[in-house]
Protein backbone atom coordinates (compact mmCIF):
# COMPACT_ATOMS: atom_id res chain seq x y z
CA MET A 1 0.00 0.00 0.00
CA ALA A 2 1.43 3.39 -1.00
CA LEU A 3 0.99 6.49 1.12
CA ALA A 4 -0.52 9.59 -0.46
CA ASN A 5 1.88 12.37 -1.36
CA CYS A 6 1.11 15.05 1.25
CA ASP A 7 2.95 17.66 -0.81
CA SER A 8 0.69 17.28 -3.82
CA ASP A 9 -1.38 20.17 -5.15
CA TYR A 10 -4.48 18.56 -3.66
CA TRP A 11 -3.06 18.42 -0.12
CA ARG A 12 -1.71 21.97 -0.28
CA GLU A 13 -5.15 23.20 -1.32
CA MET A 14 -6.88 21.20 1.42
CA ARG A 15 -4.57 22.60 4.12
CA LEU A 16 -5.35 26.18 3.07
CA ARG A 17 -9.08 25.47 2.91
CA MET A 18 -9.11 23.85 6.37
CA ILE A 19 -7.04 26.50 8.13
CA PHE A 20 -8.31 29.70 6.54
CA LEU A 21 -11.79 28.94 5.16
CA ASN A 22 -12.76 26.54 7.96
CA GLU A 23 -13.90 23.96 5.38
CA VAL A 24 -14.36 20.32 6.28
CA PRO A 25 -12.25 18.16 3.95
CA PRO A 26 -13.88 15.22 2.13
CA TRP A 27 -12.27 12.57 4.36
CA GLU A 28 -13.73 14.21 7.49
CA GLU A 29 -17.19 14.58 5.94
CA ALA A 30 -17.22 10.83 5.42
CA THR A 31 -16.26 10.02 9.03
CA GLY A 32 -18.05 12.87 10.79
CA GLY A 33 -14.82 13.64 12.65
CA THR A 34 -13.87 16.99 14.15
CA PRO A 35 -10.14 17.61 13.84
CA TYR A 36 -8.47 20.10 16.17
CA VAL A 37 -8.29 22.75 13.45
CA TRP A 38 -12.05 23.39 13.81
CA LEU A 39 -11.60 24.37 17.44
CA PHE A 40 -9.79 27.54 16.38
CA THR A 41 -12.01 30.54 15.72
CA GLN A 42 -9.69 33.44 14.93
CA PHE A 43 -6.17 34.45 14.07
CA LYS A 44 -3.99 36.84 16.00
CA PHE A 45 -1.57 38.98 14.03
CA ALA A 46 1.54 40.52 15.58
CA LEU A 47 4.04 43.13 14.51
CA ASN A 48 7.61 42.09 15.31
CA VAL A 49 10.69 44.28 15.63
CA ALA A 50 12.82 41.28 14.64
CA ASP A 51 12.06 38.10 12.71
CA PRO A 52 10.86 35.60 15.35
CA GLY A 53 12.43 32.75 13.35
CA GLU A 54 11.11 29.28 12.65
CA ALA A 55 10.75 28.37 16.33
CA GLY A 56 9.48 31.78 17.40
CA GLN A 57 6.00 32.64 18.62
CA ILE A 58 3.99 35.76 17.84
CA THR A 59 5.17 37.06 21.21
CA THR A 60 8.85 36.79 20.17
CA SER A 61 10.28 40.29 19.59
CA PRO A 62 6.90 42.07 19.55
CA ALA A 63 6.44 45.75 18.82
CA THR A 64 6.73 47.76 22.02
CA TYR A 65 5.24 51.14 21.10
CA ALA A 66 2.69 52.67 23.47
CA GLY A 67 -0.79 51.52 22.50
CA TYR A 68 0.41 48.37 20.69
CA GLY A 69 -1.71 45.24 20.83
CA GLN A 70 -2.13 42.21 18.63
CA ALA A 71 -4.79 42.34 15.92
CA THR A 72 -7.47 39.65 15.66
CA TYR A 73 -8.94 38.45 12.39
CA ASN A 74 -11.60 35.85 11.61
CA ARG A 75 -11.46 32.56 9.77
CA GLY A 76 -13.91 31.57 7.07
CA PRO A 77 -14.96 32.50 3.54
CA ALA A 78 -16.11 36.00 4.55
CA ALA A 79 -12.61 36.82 5.81
CA TRP A 80 -10.44 35.13 3.14
CA THR A 81 -10.53 34.89 -0.64
CA PHE A 82 -9.29 31.60 -2.08
CA THR A 83 -7.75 31.45 -5.55
CA GLY A 84 -6.05 28.73 -7.53
CA THR A 85 -8.45 25.80 -7.09
CA GLY A 86 -6.95 22.72 -8.71
CA THR A 87 -3.64 24.42 -9.53
CA ALA A 88 -0.07 24.11 -8.31
CA ASN A 89 -0.28 27.50 -6.60
CA PRO A 90 -3.42 27.83 -4.45
CA LYS A 91 -3.46 30.82 -2.09
CA VAL A 92 -5.65 32.85 0.24
CA ALA A 93 -5.75 36.60 0.83
CA ASN A 94 -7.49 38.74 3.46
CA THR A 95 -10.78 40.29 2.30
CA GLN A 96 -10.77 43.05 4.94
CA SER A 97 -8.14 45.29 6.46
CA ILE A 98 -6.15 43.86 9.38
CA ALA A 99 -5.43 46.78 11.72
CA TRP A 100 -3.38 47.28 14.87
CA PRO A 101 -3.88 49.93 17.55
CA GLU A 102 -2.54 53.43 17.02
CA LYS A 103 0.97 54.31 18.18
CA THR A 104 0.48 56.89 20.93
CA ASP A 105 4.07 57.66 21.99
CA ALA A 106 6.57 59.94 20.26
CA GLY A 107 9.16 58.78 17.75
CA SER A 108 8.98 55.80 15.45
CA GLN A 109 9.51 52.06 15.73
CA ALA A 110 10.82 49.86 12.92
CA ILE A 111 8.76 46.73 12.21
CA ASN A 112 10.74 43.94 10.56
CA ALA A 113 8.28 41.02 10.52
CA VAL A 114 4.62 40.07 10.78
CA SER A 115 3.55 36.84 12.45
CA PHE A 116 0.21 35.18 13.01
CA ALA A 117 -1.27 32.39 15.08
CA MET A 118 -4.51 30.49 15.50
CA ILE A 119 -6.35 31.08 18.79
CA TYR A 120 -7.86 28.29 20.88
CA SER A 121 -8.98 28.71 24.50
CA GLY A 122 -6.75 31.71 25.02
CA THR A 123 -3.64 29.94 23.74
CA ASP A 124 -1.87 31.07 20.58
CA TYR A 125 -0.63 28.38 18.22
CA SER A 126 1.83 29.94 15.80
CA VAL A 127 1.14 29.33 12.14
CA ALA A 128 3.63 31.45 10.25
CA ARG A 129 5.75 34.55 10.15
CA ASP A 130 7.27 36.59 7.38
CA ALA A 131 10.27 38.88 7.53
CA LEU A 132 9.60 42.09 5.63
CA ALA A 133 11.77 42.94 2.64
CA ALA A 134 12.51 46.30 4.27
CA PRO A 135 11.62 47.65 7.73
CA VAL A 136 8.40 49.65 8.03
CA ASP A 137 8.45 52.57 10.46
CA VAL A 138 5.40 53.17 12.64
CA ASP A 139 5.21 56.83 13.69
CA GLN A 140 3.25 58.58 16.42
CA PHE A 141 -0.53 58.61 15.79
CA GLU A 142 -0.15 56.07 13.00
CA ARG A 143 -2.34 52.97 12.95
CA PRO A 144 -0.54 50.12 11.14
CA ASN A 145 -2.71 47.98 8.88
CA LEU A 146 -2.64 45.43 6.10
CA PRO A 147 -5.16 46.59 3.49
CA SER A 148 -7.60 44.16 1.90
CA ALA A 149 -5.89 41.55 -0.32
CA SER A 150 -2.40 42.58 0.86
CA PHE A 151 -1.75 39.58 3.11
CA THR A 152 -1.43 36.45 0.98
CA VAL A 153 -0.61 32.93 2.11
CA GLU A 154 0.49 30.51 -0.57
CA ALA A 155 0.19 26.76 -0.34
CA PHE A 156 2.50 25.06 2.12
């Protein structure tokens, strides 16, 4: 008996659909199972002053400006647009702006990475992080945000 290739286009698409769109995959529909991924309801997004690295959490090197807090964002088809069905490059993108609280102190702070996690019972389970190509400065009275369709996650 051969094992299925978990890096095939099909599996990459299914992982995105489960995590971001909260869709039940065909094998779970058949068994009526409830995998752990359905227990998560939202994502938390963090701004990081340094890349938290592969083992890092969203709380690794967080922004420290006055007023900073993590941003929450929903799961499901109203929150994410899926493209690339049946292709080698499926991806999802945010349908609404993801915004952080306004910076209330003077000066600026350089943001070098964005990370996000799934939330379950108050615990954050890190999903991914991305180092920015160039630092982004957050200045006083500025409210950092990722506009609609600007945060894209490709198949993994």
